[in-house]
C-alpha atoms as a PDB file:
ATOM      1  CA  MET A   1      90.179  80.964 129.207  1.00  0.00           C
ATOM      2  CA  THR A   2      93.239  83.097 129.959  1.00  0.00           C
ATOM      3  CA  ILE A   3      94.597  85.615 127.465  1.00  0.00           C
ATOM      4  CA  THR A   4      97.629  83.373 126.906  1.00  0.00           C
ATOM      5  CA  ASN A   5      95.478  80.318 126.217  1.00  0.00           C
ATOM      6  CA  GLU A   6      93.223  82.239 123.818  1.00  0.00           C
ATOM      7  CA  TYR A   7      96.249  83.731 122.039  1.00  0.00           C
ATOM      8  CA  GLU A   8      97.926  80.319 121.643  1.00  0.00           C
ATOM      9  CA  SER A   9      94.673  78.704 120.492  1.00  0.00           C
ATOM     10  CA  ILE A  10      94.200  81.333 117.774  1.00  0.00           C
ATOM     11  CA  LEU A  11      97.739  80.957 116.468  1.00  0.00           C
ATOM     12  CA  LYS A  12      97.683  77.156 116.524  1.00  0.00           C
ATOM     13  CA  LYS A  13      94.569  77.219 114.303  1.00  0.00           C
ATOM     14  CA  GLY A  14      96.337  79.408 111.736  1.00  0.00           C
ATOM     15  CA  THR A  15      98.669  78.376 108.964  1.00  0.00           C
ATOM     16  CA  ASN A  16     102.094  79.139 110.342  1.00  0.00           C
ATOM     17  CA  ALA A  17     105.422  79.579 108.572  1.00  0.00           C
ATOM     18  CA  GLY A  18     107.325  77.686 111.247  1.00  0.00           C
ATOM     19  CA  PRO A  19     109.838  78.895 113.792  1.00  0.00           C
ATOM     20  CA  ALA A  20     112.300  81.657 112.971  1.00  0.00           C
ATOM     21  CA  THR A  21     115.837  81.168 114.231  1.00  0.00           C
ATOM     22  CA  ASP A  22     117.616  83.521 116.612  1.00  0.00           C
ATOM     23  CA  GLU A  23     119.902  84.445 113.714  1.00  0.00           C
ATOM     24  CA  MET A  24     116.923  85.391 111.517  1.00  0.00           C
ATOM     25  CA  ILE A  25     115.441  87.515 114.300  1.00  0.00           C
ATOM     26  CA  THR A  26     118.728  89.279 115.048  1.00  0.00           C
ATOM     27  CA  ALA A  27     119.316  89.955 111.332  1.00  0.00           C
ATOM     28  CA  ALA A  28     115.812  91.447 110.968  1.00  0.00           C
ATOM     29  CA  GLU A  29     116.308  93.665 114.014  1.00  0.00           C
ATOM     30  CA  GLU A  30     119.611  94.861 112.566  1.00  0.00           C
ATOM     31  CA  GLN A  31     118.078  95.525 109.133  1.00  0.00           C
ATOM     32  CA  LEU A  32     115.255  97.527 110.698  1.00  0.00           C
ATOM     33  CA  SER A  33     117.466  99.142 113.386  1.00  0.00           C
ATOM     34  CA  VAL A  34     114.958  98.262 116.118  1.00  0.00           C
ATOM     35  CA  PRO A  35     114.758  95.697 118.894  1.00  0.00           C
ATOM     36  CA  PHE A  36     111.638  93.555 118.689  1.00  0.00           C
ATOM     37  CA  PRO A  37     109.593  93.397 121.900  1.00  0.00           C
ATOM     38  CA  ALA A  38     109.887  90.085 123.766  1.00  0.00           C
ATOM     39  CA  SER A  39     106.308  89.071 122.913  1.00  0.00           C
ATOM     40  CA  TYR A  40     106.899  89.491 119.162  1.00  0.00           C
ATOM     41  CA  ARG A  41     110.258  87.686 119.398  1.00  0.00           C
ATOM     42  CA  HIS A  42     108.437  84.780 121.091  1.00  0.00           C
ATOM     43  CA  PHE A  43     105.851  84.758 118.278  1.00  0.00           C
ATOM     44  CA  LEU A  44     108.610  84.694 115.668  1.00  0.00           C
ATOM     45  CA  LYS A  45     110.471  81.880 117.441  1.00  0.00           C
ATOM     46  CA  GLN A  46     107.334  79.787 117.767  1.00  0.00           C
ATOM     47  CA  TYR A  47     105.281  80.575 114.644  1.00  0.00           C
ATOM     48  CA  GLY A  48     107.429  82.651 112.272  1.00  0.00           C
ATOM     49  CA  ALA A  49     104.400  84.255 110.584  1.00  0.00           C
ATOM     50  CA  THR A  50     100.694  83.419 110.614  1.00  0.00           C
ATOM     51  CA  MET A  51      97.796  83.385 108.195  1.00  0.00           C
ATOM     52  CA  GLY A  52      94.513  82.942 110.040  1.00  0.00           C
ATOM     53  CA  VAL A  53      90.892  83.169 109.007  1.00  0.00           C
ATOM     54  CA  GLY A  54      90.467  86.823 108.078  1.00  0.00           C
ATOM     55  CA  PHE A  55      93.810  88.026 109.426  1.00  0.00           C
ATOM     56  CA  GLU A  56      97.533  87.737 109.000  1.00  0.00           C
ATOM     57  CA  ILE A  57     100.587  88.563 111.090  1.00  0.00           C
ATOM     58  CA  ALA A  58     103.787  89.347 109.194  1.00  0.00           C
ATOM     59  CA  GLY A  59     106.927  87.702 110.441  1.00  0.00           C
ATOM     60  CA  LEU A  60     110.069  85.846 109.480  1.00  0.00           C
ATOM     61  CA  PHE A  61     110.485  82.694 107.438  1.00  0.00           C
ATOM     62  CA  ASP A  62     112.845  81.167 104.902  1.00  0.00           C
ATOM     63  CA  SER A  63     112.143  83.084 101.710  1.00  0.00           C
ATOM     64  CA  SER A  64     114.909  81.605  99.569  1.00  0.00           C
ATOM     65  CA  ASP A  65     112.494  79.778  97.223  1.00  0.00           C
ATOM     66  CA  ASP A  66     111.448  82.357  94.645  1.00  0.00           C
ATOM     67  CA  SER A  67     109.520  79.881  92.464  1.00  0.00           C
ATOM     68  CA  ALA A  68     106.192  80.859  94.020  1.00  0.00           C
ATOM     69  CA  PRO A  69     104.962  83.833  96.046  1.00  0.00           C
ATOM     70  CA  PRO A  70     105.117  83.253  99.801  1.00  0.00           C
ATOM     71  CA  MET A  71     101.952  82.587 101.762  1.00  0.00           C
ATOM     72  CA  TRP A  72     103.022  85.025 104.493  1.00  0.00           C
ATOM     73  CA  ARG A  73     104.347  88.570 104.537  1.00  0.00           C
ATOM     74  CA  HIS A  74     107.940  89.113 105.603  1.00  0.00           C
ATOM     75  CA  VAL A  75     108.195  91.822 108.269  1.00  0.00           C
ATOM     76  CA  VAL A  76     111.414  93.299 106.835  1.00  0.00           C
ATOM     77  CA  LYS A  77     110.073  93.445 103.267  1.00  0.00           C
ATOM     78  CA  MET A  78     106.796  94.908 104.508  1.00  0.00           C
ATOM     79  CA  SER A  79     108.731  97.555 106.485  1.00  0.00           C
ATOM     80  CA  VAL A  80     110.835  98.493 103.470  1.00  0.00           C
ATOM     81  CA  GLN A  81     107.793  98.734 101.191  1.00  0.00           C
ATOM     82  CA  LEU A  82     105.810 100.847 103.644  1.00  0.00           C
ATOM     83  CA  GLY A  83     108.863 102.943 104.476  1.00  0.00           C
ATOM     84  CA  ARG A  84     109.016 104.030 100.862  1.00  0.00           C
ATOM     85  CA  VAL A  85     105.380 105.107 101.079  1.00  0.00           C
ATOM     86  CA  ASN A  86     105.593 106.814 104.475  1.00  0.00           C
ATOM     87  CA  GLN A  87     108.979 108.477 103.748  1.00  0.00           C
ATOM     88  CA  GLY A  88     109.756 109.407 107.356  1.00  0.00           C
ATOM     89  CA  HIS A  89     106.244 110.448 108.352  1.00  0.00           C
ATOM     90  CA  LEU A  90     106.153 107.760 111.047  1.00  0.00           C
ATOM     91  CA  PRO A  91     108.571 107.175 113.923  1.00  0.00           C
ATOM     92  CA  PRO A  92     111.365 104.685 113.122  1.00  0.00           C
ATOM     93  CA  THR A  93     110.356 102.582 116.146  1.00  0.00           C
ATOM     94  CA  LEU A  94     107.180 101.416 114.374  1.00  0.00           C
ATOM     95  CA  VAL A  95     107.301  97.982 112.718  1.00  0.00           C
ATOM     96  CA  PRO A  96     104.358  97.000 110.476  1.00  0.00           C
ATOM     97  CA  ILE A  97     102.905  93.583 111.271  1.00  0.00           C
ATOM     98  CA  SER A  98      99.410  93.528 109.769  1.00  0.00           C
ATOM     99  CA  ASP A  99      96.725  95.537 108.016  1.00  0.00           C
ATOM    100  CA  ASP A 100      92.967  95.584 107.605  1.00  0.00           C
ATOM    101  CA  GLY A 101      92.973  95.330 103.802  1.00  0.00           C
ATOM    102  CA  CYS A 102      91.423  98.800 103.525  1.00  0.00           C
ATOM    103  CA  GLY A 103      94.506 100.989 103.923  1.00  0.00           C
ATOM    104  CA  THR A 104      95.055 100.844 107.673  1.00  0.00           C
ATOM    105  CA  THR A 105      98.311  99.298 108.819  1.00  0.00           C
ATOM    106  CA  PHE A 106      99.015  98.006 112.319  1.00  0.00           C
ATOM    107  CA  TYR A 107     102.462  98.586 113.800  1.00  0.00           C
ATOM    108  CA  ILE A 108     104.284  97.302 116.847  1.00  0.00           C
ATOM    109  CA  ASP A 109     105.854 100.218 118.675  1.00  0.00           C
ATOM    110  CA  SER A 110     109.303  98.825 119.412  1.00  0.00           C
ATOM    111  CA  ALA A 111     110.378 101.758 121.585  1.00  0.00           C
ATOM    112  CA  GLN A 112     112.108 100.589 124.749  1.00  0.00           C
ATOM    113  CA  ARG A 113     109.838 100.292 127.759  1.00  0.00           C
ATOM    114  CA  SER A 114     110.525  99.605 131.398  1.00  0.00           C
ATOM    115  CA  ASP A 115     108.682  96.273 131.070  1.00  0.00           C
ATOM    116  CA  GLU A 116     110.475  94.308 128.325  1.00  0.00           C
ATOM    117  CA  THR A 117     107.328  92.333 127.472  1.00  0.00           C
ATOM    118  CA  ALA A 118     105.081  95.365 126.970  1.00  0.00           C
ATOM    119  CA  CYS A 119     104.440  96.903 123.576  1.00  0.00           C
ATOM    120  CA  SER A 120     101.674  98.909 122.010  1.00  0.00           C
ATOM    121  CA  ILE A 121     100.099  98.168 118.662  1.00  0.00           C
ATOM    122  CA  VAL A 122      99.131 101.362 116.839  1.00  0.00           C
ATOM    123  CA  ALA A 123      97.197 101.968 113.634  1.00  0.00           C
ATOM    124  CA  PHE A 124      97.787 104.431 110.810  1.00  0.00           C
ATOM    125  CA  GLY A 125      95.530 104.815 107.819  1.00  0.00           C
ATOM    126  CA  PRO A 126      92.570 106.784 106.492  1.00  0.00           C
ATOM    127  CA  GLY A 127      91.087 108.603 109.488  1.00  0.00           C
ATOM    128  CA  VAL A 128      93.350 106.732 111.934  1.00  0.00           C
ATOM    129  CA  ASP A 129      96.485 108.541 113.046  1.00  0.00           C
ATOM    130  CA  GLY A 130      98.409 106.560 115.632  1.00  0.00           C
ATOM    131  CA  LYS A 131      95.478 105.123 117.569  1.00  0.00           C
ATOM    132  CA  VAL A 132      96.531 102.508 120.118  1.00  0.00           C
ATOM    133  CA  MET A 133      94.709  99.319 119.155  1.00  0.00           C
ATOM    134  CA  ALA A 134      96.067  97.113 121.946  1.00  0.00           C
ATOM    135  CA  ASN A 135      98.503  97.364 124.827  1.00  0.00           C
ATOM    136  CA  SER A 136     100.136  94.016 124.124  1.00  0.00           C
ATOM    137  CA  PHE A 137     100.915  91.850 121.124  1.00  0.00           C
ATOM    138  CA  GLU A 138      98.796  89.022 122.539  1.00  0.00           C
ATOM    139  CA  GLU A 139      95.796  91.305 123.067  1.00  0.00           C
ATOM    140  CA  PHE A 140      96.164  92.579 119.490  1.00  0.00           C
ATOM    141  CA  VAL A 141      96.198  89.061 118.012  1.00  0.00           C
ATOM    142  CA  ILE A 142      93.048  88.157 119.952  1.00  0.00           C
ATOM    143  CA  ARG A 143      91.217  91.332 118.919  1.00  0.00           C
ATOM    144  CA  LEU A 144      92.346  91.018 115.290  1.00  0.00           C
ATOM    145  CA  ALA A 145      91.341  87.356 115.012  1.00  0.00           C
ATOM    146  CA  ASN A 146      87.952  88.012 116.612  1.00  0.00           C
ATOM    147  CA  ASP A 147      87.272  91.176 114.566  1.00  0.00           C
ATOM    148  CA  ARG A 148      87.179  93.271 117.743  1.00  0.00           C
ATOM    149  CA  LEU A 149      89.457  96.164 116.807  1.00  0.00           C
ATOM    150  CA  GLU A 150      87.808  99.484 117.556  1.00  0.00           C
ATOM    151  CA  PHE A 151      88.738 102.479 115.429  1.00  0.00           C
END
């Protein structure tokens, strides 16, 4: 099975928010003052956000219904909440997309790269200070879903 097939299989088994529009993605990038890497933009356009077995990927979805808490985490709200905690201790190019439930947060490094599809996923938390967890968004999703992240 190729990495793309495994990645797609994992996400299709999850509970997904549904596709985010180009307008939603652009607005989120503007709010966060970062460009999302192409691989994360593709995820947002196809899945929006995902809740899998034992993992979750924050994303974008229609959050206008306030009658019940959302099933997924909104990447902009998560960034704002964590930004208040981190207060400038982390580079502004980092966008939080997931966590391990024990205080470690996983961030996409949205810094521009020569290859538009490439992005690193880094972790910050107790005893983990910027460790690269995966060299691509797809690789991160596979490792996260299969509980294969190495600290």
